[in-house]
Amino acid sequence: MSINMAEHKLVKGIAISIISTRLEKSLDEVDNLFGVILDTEPAEVLAAKAKQLASATTVEQCIDIFI
């Protein structure tokens, strides 16, 4: 596995964890809902969105970050 691939996987996991907490859904549910979107985003973009997610206080804010 390349470093870029590993970095992307790590950032994706962090984003899924944050979304899971915010939406009160299981990690698998979130991966099923957002996995395709998260897989297509570059790691740098995912990292920026993860930072935004960390400060989001509503479900709507979480969804808006990915729209």
PDB file of N, CA and C in Angstrom:
ATOM      1  N   MET A   1       0.846  -1.173   0.000  1.00  0.00           N
ATOM      2  CA  MET A   1       0.000   0.000   0.000  1.00  0.00           C
ATOM      3  C   MET A   1       0.896   1.243   0.000  1.00  0.00           C
ATOM      4  N   SER A   2       0.598   2.179  -0.877  1.00  0.00           N
ATOM      5  CA  SER A   2       1.391   3.398  -0.952  1.00  0.00           C
ATOM      6  C   SER A   2       1.069   4.323   0.224  1.00  0.00           C
ATOM      7  N   ILE A   3       1.939   5.279   0.436  1.00  0.00           N
ATOM      8  CA  ILE A   3       1.728   6.245   1.524  1.00  0.00           C
ATOM      9  C   ILE A   3       0.466   7.057   1.267  1.00  0.00           C
ATOM     10  N   ASN A   4       0.252   7.472   0.016  1.00  0.00           N
ATOM     11  CA  ASN A   4      -0.950   8.252  -0.304  1.00  0.00           C
ATOM     12  C   ASN A   4      -2.213   7.452  -0.044  1.00  0.00           C
ATOM     13  N   MET A   5      -2.185   6.183  -0.390  1.00  0.00           N
ATOM     14  CA  MET A   5      -3.345   5.328  -0.177  1.00  0.00           C
ATOM     15  C   MET A   5      -3.610   5.137   1.321  1.00  0.00           C
ATOM     16  N   ALA A   6      -2.553   4.933   2.079  1.00  0.00           N
ATOM     17  CA  ALA A   6      -2.678   4.766   3.525  1.00  0.00           C
ATOM     18  C   ALA A   6      -3.185   6.051   4.175  1.00  0.00           C
ATOM     19  N   GLU A   7      -2.668   7.189   3.715  1.00  0.00           N
ATOM     20  CA  GLU A   7      -3.113   8.475   4.244  1.00  0.00           C
ATOM     21  C   GLU A   7      -4.601   8.670   3.962  1.00  0.00           C
ATOM     22  N   HIS A   8      -5.020   8.343   2.749  1.00  0.00           N
ATOM     23  CA  HIS A   8      -6.423   8.496   2.380  1.00  0.00           C
ATOM     24  C   HIS A   8      -7.306   7.599   3.243  1.00  0.00           C
ATOM     25  N   LYS A   9      -6.877   6.374   3.458  1.00  0.00           N
ATOM     26  CA  LYS A   9      -7.641   5.428   4.272  1.00  0.00           C
ATOM     27  C   LYS A   9      -7.780   5.934   5.708  1.00  0.00           C
ATOM     28  N   LEU A  10      -6.703   6.485   6.250  1.00  0.00           N
ATOM     29  CA  LEU A  10      -6.727   7.026   7.607  1.00  0.00           C
ATOM     30  C   LEU A  10      -7.685   8.208   7.711  1.00  0.00           C
ATOM     31  N   VAL A  11      -7.576   9.150   6.790  1.00  0.00           N
ATOM     32  CA  VAL A  11      -8.433  10.337   6.826  1.00  0.00           C
ATOM     33  C   VAL A  11      -9.891   9.944   6.605  1.00  0.00           C
ATOM     34  N   LYS A  12     -10.136   8.979   5.718  1.00  0.00           N
ATOM     35  CA  LYS A  12     -11.500   8.497   5.489  1.00  0.00           C
ATOM     36  C   LYS A  12     -12.066   7.902   6.780  1.00  0.00           C
ATOM     37  N   GLY A  13     -11.258   7.132   7.483  1.00  0.00           N
ATOM     38  CA  GLY A  13     -11.703   6.541   8.744  1.00  0.00           C
ATOM     39  C   GLY A  13     -12.055   7.592   9.774  1.00  0.00           C
ATOM     40  N   ILE A  14     -11.256   8.641   9.841  1.00  0.00           N
ATOM     41  CA  ILE A  14     -11.533   9.737  10.773  1.00  0.00           C
ATOM     42  C   ILE A  14     -12.841  10.432  10.394  1.00  0.00           C
ATOM     43  N   ALA A  15     -13.020  10.712   9.120  1.00  0.00           N
ATOM     44  CA  ALA A  15     -14.246  11.370   8.657  1.00  0.00           C
ATOM     45  C   ALA A  15     -15.466  10.506   8.960  1.00  0.00           C
ATOM     46  N   ILE A  16     -15.373   9.204   8.697  1.00  0.00           N
ATOM     47  CA  ILE A  16     -16.493   8.298   8.976  1.00  0.00           C
ATOM     48  C   ILE A  16     -16.809   8.282  10.466  1.00  0.00           C
ATOM     49  N   SER A  17     -15.779   8.283  11.286  1.00  0.00           N
ATOM     50  CA  SER A  17     -15.984   8.288  12.729  1.00  0.00           C
ATOM     51  C   SER A  17     -16.704   9.552  13.190  1.00  0.00           C
ATOM     52  N   ILE A  18     -16.286  10.693  12.668  1.00  0.00           N
ATOM     53  CA  ILE A  18     -16.919  11.962  13.042  1.00  0.00           C
ATOM     54  C   ILE A  18     -18.373  11.986  12.576  1.00  0.00           C
ATOM     55  N   ILE A  19     -18.604  11.574  11.324  1.00  0.00           N
ATOM     56  CA  ILE A  19     -19.972  11.560  10.797  1.00  0.00           C
ATOM     57  C   ILE A  19     -20.830  10.608  11.619  1.00  0.00           C
ATOM     58  N   SER A  20     -20.285   9.456  11.953  1.00  0.00           N
ATOM     59  CA  SER A  20     -21.003   8.464  12.743  1.00  0.00           C
ATOM     60  C   SER A  20     -21.462   9.048  14.075  1.00  0.00           C
ATOM     61  N   THR A  21     -20.578   9.774  14.719  1.00  0.00           N
ATOM     62  CA  THR A  21     -20.896  10.393  15.998  1.00  0.00           C
ATOM     63  C   THR A  21     -21.973  11.458  15.828  1.00  0.00           C
ATOM     64  N   ARG A  22     -21.801  12.303  14.826  1.00  0.00           N
ATOM     65  CA  ARG A  22     -22.754  13.398  14.613  1.00  0.00           C
ATOM     66  C   ARG A  22     -24.146  12.896  14.233  1.00  0.00           C
ATOM     67  N   LEU A  23     -24.199  11.862  13.380  1.00  0.00           N
ATOM     68  CA  LEU A  23     -25.484  11.359  12.906  1.00  0.00           C
ATOM     69  C   LEU A  23     -26.051  10.254  13.792  1.00  0.00           C
ATOM     70  N   GLU A  24     -25.268   9.851  14.800  1.00  0.00           N
ATOM     71  CA  GLU A  24     -25.663   8.768  15.700  1.00  0.00           C
ATOM     72  C   GLU A  24     -26.016   7.501  14.919  1.00  0.00           C
ATOM     73  N   LYS A  25     -25.140   7.173  13.963  1.00  0.00           N
ATOM     74  CA  LYS A  25     -25.273   5.973  13.146  1.00  0.00           C
ATOM     75  C   LYS A  25     -24.030   5.121  13.342  1.00  0.00           C
ATOM     76  N   SER A  26     -24.144   3.836  13.016  1.00  0.00           N
ATOM     77  CA  SER A  26     -22.979   2.962  13.141  1.00  0.00           C
ATOM     78  C   SER A  26     -21.952   3.308  12.064  1.00  0.00           C
ATOM     79  N   LEU A  27     -20.715   2.905  12.298  1.00  0.00           N
ATOM     80  CA  LEU A  27     -19.654   3.150  11.322  1.00  0.00           C
ATOM     81  C   LEU A  27     -19.992   2.502   9.985  1.00  0.00           C
ATOM     82  N   ASP A  28     -20.556   1.299  10.016  1.00  0.00           N
ATOM     83  CA  ASP A  28     -20.929   0.609   8.774  1.00  0.00           C
ATOM     84  C   ASP A  28     -22.017   1.362   8.010  1.00  0.00           C
ATOM     85  N   GLU A  29     -23.000   1.875   8.742  1.00  0.00           N
ATOM     86  CA  GLU A  29     -24.066   2.641   8.086  1.00  0.00           C
ATOM     87  C   GLU A  29     -23.499   3.875   7.398  1.00  0.00           C
ATOM     88  N   VAL A  30     -22.616   4.570   8.082  1.00  0.00           N
ATOM     89  CA  VAL A  30     -22.022   5.778   7.525  1.00  0.00           C
ATOM     90  C   VAL A  30     -21.149   5.427   6.323  1.00  0.00           C
ATOM     91  N   ASP A  31     -20.380   4.354   6.437  1.00  0.00           N
ATOM     92  CA  ASP A  31     -19.542   3.932   5.312  1.00  0.00           C
ATOM     93  C   ASP A  31     -20.410   3.596   4.105  1.00  0.00           C
ATOM     94  N   ASN A  32     -21.542   2.945   4.340  1.00  0.00           N
ATOM     95  CA  ASN A  32     -22.455   2.625   3.244  1.00  0.00           C
ATOM     96  C   ASN A  32     -23.058   3.885   2.624  1.00  0.00           C
ATOM     97  N   LEU A  33     -23.375   4.870   3.455  1.00  0.00           N
ATOM     98  CA  LEU A  33     -24.000   6.099   2.959  1.00  0.00           C
ATOM     99  C   LEU A  33     -23.002   7.040   2.285  1.00  0.00           C
ATOM    100  N   PHE A  34     -21.829   7.208   2.898  1.00  0.00           N
ATOM    101  CA  PHE A  34     -20.872   8.207   2.431  1.00  0.00           C
ATOM    102  C   PHE A  34     -19.612   7.622   1.799  1.00  0.00           C
ATOM    103  N   GLY A  35     -19.466   6.292   1.819  1.00  0.00           N
ATOM    104  CA  GLY A  35     -18.234   5.664   1.365  1.00  0.00           C
ATOM    105  C   GLY A  35     -17.821   6.037  -0.038  1.00  0.00           C
ATOM    106  N   VAL A  36     -18.768   6.040  -0.966  1.00  0.00           N
ATOM    107  CA  VAL A  36     -18.441   6.362  -2.359  1.00  0.00           C
ATOM    108  C   VAL A  36     -17.962   7.801  -2.480  1.00  0.00           C
ATOM    109  N   ILE A  37     -18.627   8.703  -1.784  1.00  0.00           N
ATOM    110  CA  ILE A  37     -18.218  10.114  -1.813  1.00  0.00           C
ATOM    111  C   ILE A  37     -16.821  10.255  -1.223  1.00  0.00           C
ATOM    112  N   LEU A  38     -16.590   9.616  -0.094  1.00  0.00           N
ATOM    113  CA  LEU A  38     -15.294   9.731   0.573  1.00  0.00           C
ATOM    114  C   LEU A  38     -14.183   9.081  -0.238  1.00  0.00           C
ATOM    115  N   ASP A  39     -14.501   8.031  -0.966  1.00  0.00           N
ATOM    116  CA  ASP A  39     -13.486   7.362  -1.784  1.00  0.00           C
ATOM    117  C   ASP A  39     -13.030   8.216  -2.956  1.00  0.00           C
ATOM    118  N   THR A  40     -13.885   9.109  -3.431  1.00  0.00           N
ATOM    119  CA  THR A  40     -13.542   9.909  -4.606  1.00  0.00           C
ATOM    120  C   THR A  40     -12.838  11.216  -4.251  1.00  0.00           C
ATOM    121  N   GLU A  41     -12.865  11.592  -2.991  1.00  0.00           N
ATOM    122  CA  GLU A  41     -12.216  12.838  -2.563  1.00  0.00           C
ATOM    123  C   GLU A  41     -10.730  12.601  -2.305  1.00  0.00           C
ATOM    124  N   PRO A  42      -9.874  13.516  -2.740  1.00  0.00           N
ATOM    125  CA  PRO A  42      -8.451  13.414  -2.392  1.00  0.00           C
ATOM    126  C   PRO A  42      -8.260  13.543  -0.876  1.00  0.00           C
ATOM    127  N   ALA A  43      -7.192  12.969  -0.357  1.00  0.00           N
ATOM    128  CA  ALA A  43      -6.935  12.989   1.086  1.00  0.00           C
ATOM    129  C   ALA A  43      -6.910  14.401   1.648  1.00  0.00           C
ATOM    130  N   GLU A  44      -6.348  15.342   0.898  1.00  0.00           N
ATOM    131  CA  GLU A  44      -6.267  16.729   1.382  1.00  0.00           C
ATOM    132  C   GLU A  44      -7.660  17.326   1.557  1.00  0.00           C
ATOM    133  N   VAL A  45      -8.539  17.030   0.618  1.00  0.00           N
ATOM    134  CA  VAL A  45      -9.916  17.539   0.694  1.00  0.00           C
ATOM    135  C   VAL A  45     -10.647  16.873   1.863  1.00  0.00           C
ATOM    136  N   LEU A  46     -10.449  15.559   2.006  1.00  0.00           N
ATOM    137  CA  LEU A  46     -11.066  14.846   3.130  1.00  0.00           C
ATOM    138  C   LEU A  46     -10.606  15.404   4.468  1.00  0.00           C
ATOM    139  N   ALA A  47      -9.317  15.711   4.565  1.00  0.00           N
ATOM    140  CA  ALA A  47      -8.781  16.253   5.815  1.00  0.00           C
ATOM    141  C   ALA A  47      -9.445  17.588   6.139  1.00  0.00           C
ATOM    142  N   ALA A  48      -9.604  18.437   5.130  1.00  0.00           N
ATOM    143  CA  ALA A  48     -10.256  19.740   5.338  1.00  0.00           C
ATOM    144  C   ALA A  48     -11.711  19.542   5.761  1.00  0.00           C
ATOM    145  N   LYS A  49     -12.396  18.594   5.118  1.00  0.00           N
ATOM    146  CA  LYS A  49     -13.793  18.336   5.465  1.00  0.00           C
ATOM    147  C   LYS A  49     -13.903  17.719   6.861  1.00  0.00           C
ATOM    148  N   ALA A  50     -12.949  16.898   7.236  1.00  0.00           N
ATOM    149  CA  ALA A  50     -12.952  16.312   8.582  1.00  0.00           C
ATOM    150  C   ALA A  50     -12.819  17.403   9.636  1.00  0.00           C
ATOM    151  N   LYS A  51     -11.989  18.400   9.365  1.00  0.00           N
ATOM    152  CA  LYS A  51     -11.858  19.530  10.298  1.00  0.00           C
ATOM    153  C   LYS A  51     -13.177  20.279  10.401  1.00  0.00           C
ATOM    154  N   GLN A  52     -13.854  20.482   9.269  1.00  0.00           N
ATOM    155  CA  GLN A  52     -15.152  21.153   9.290  1.00  0.00           C
ATOM    156  C   GLN A  52     -16.176  20.309  10.056  1.00  0.00           C
ATOM    157  N   LEU A  53     -16.145  18.999   9.824  1.00  0.00           N
ATOM    158  CA  LEU A  53     -17.077  18.107  10.522  1.00  0.00           C
ATOM    159  C   LEU A  53     -16.879  18.155  12.027  1.00  0.00           C
ATOM    160  N   ALA A  54     -15.632  18.268  12.449  1.00  0.00           N
ATOM    161  CA  ALA A  54     -15.336  18.288  13.882  1.00  0.00           C
ATOM    162  C   ALA A  54     -15.984  19.478  14.570  1.00  0.00           C
ATOM    163  N   SER A  55     -16.167  20.559  13.828  1.00  0.00           N
ATOM    164  CA  SER A  55     -16.778  21.742  14.440  1.00  0.00           C
ATOM    165  C   SER A  55     -18.270  21.867  14.130  1.00  0.00           C
ATOM    166  N   ALA A  56     -18.801  20.971  13.315  1.00  0.00           N
ATOM    167  CA  ALA A  56     -20.231  21.011  12.997  1.00  0.00           C
ATOM    168  C   ALA A  56     -21.043  20.614  14.232  1.00  0.00           C
ATOM    169  N   THR A  57     -22.164  21.277  14.415  1.00  0.00           N
ATOM    170  CA  THR A  57     -22.990  20.999  15.589  1.00  0.00           C
ATOM    171  C   THR A  57     -24.339  20.394  15.234  1.00  0.00           C
ATOM    172  N   THR A  58     -24.680  20.363  13.949  1.00  0.00           N
ATOM    173  CA  THR A  58     -25.962  19.786  13.544  1.00  0.00           C
ATOM    174  C   THR A  58     -25.754  18.798  12.403  1.00  0.00           C
ATOM    175  N   VAL A  59     -26.729  17.933  12.241  1.00  0.00           N
ATOM    176  CA  VAL A  59     -26.702  16.974  11.132  1.00  0.00           C
ATOM    177  C   VAL A  59     -26.693  17.724   9.802  1.00  0.00           C
ATOM    178  N   GLU A  60     -27.470  18.788   9.719  1.00  0.00           N
ATOM    179  CA  GLU A  60     -27.549  19.572   8.485  1.00  0.00           C
ATOM    180  C   GLU A  60     -26.187  20.128   8.092  1.00  0.00           C
ATOM    181  N   GLN A  61     -25.430  20.589   9.078  1.00  0.00           N
ATOM    182  CA  GLN A  61     -24.088  21.092   8.794  1.00  0.00           C
ATOM    183  C   GLN A  61     -23.197  19.990   8.257  1.00  0.00           C
ATOM    184  N   CYS A  62     -23.317  18.798   8.804  1.00  0.00           N
ATOM    185  CA  CYS A  62     -22.519  17.657   8.321  1.00  0.00           C
ATOM    186  C   CYS A  62     -22.845  17.363   6.861  1.00  0.00           C
ATOM    187  N   ILE A  63     -24.118  17.343   6.556  1.00  0.00           N
ATOM    188  CA  ILE A  63     -24.535  17.046   5.182  1.00  0.00           C
ATOM    189  C   ILE A  63     -24.082  18.144   4.231  1.00  0.00           C
ATOM    190  N   ASP A  64     -24.215  19.405   4.647  1.00  0.00           N
ATOM    191  CA  ASP A  64     -23.814  20.536   3.808  1.00  0.00           C
ATOM    192  C   ASP A  64     -22.324  20.492   3.456  1.00  0.00           C
ATOM    193  N   ILE A  65     -21.514  19.959   4.319  1.00  0.00           N
ATOM    194  CA  ILE A  65     -20.067  19.891   4.076  1.00  0.00           C
ATOM    195  C   ILE A  65     -19.782  19.015   2.857  1.00  0.00           C
ATOM    196  N   PHE A  66     -20.606  18.008   2.611  1.00  0.00           N
ATOM    197  CA  PHE A  66     -20.374  17.088   1.493  1.00  0.00           C
ATOM    198  C   PHE A  66     -21.175  17.411   0.244  1.00  0.00           C
ATOM    199  N   ILE A  67     -22.003  18.446   0.303  1.00  0.00           N
ATOM    200  CA  ILE A  67     -22.805  18.817  -0.877  1.00  0.00           C
ATOM    201  C   ILE A  67     -22.102  19.911  -1.648  1.00  0.00           C
TER     202      ILE A  67
END
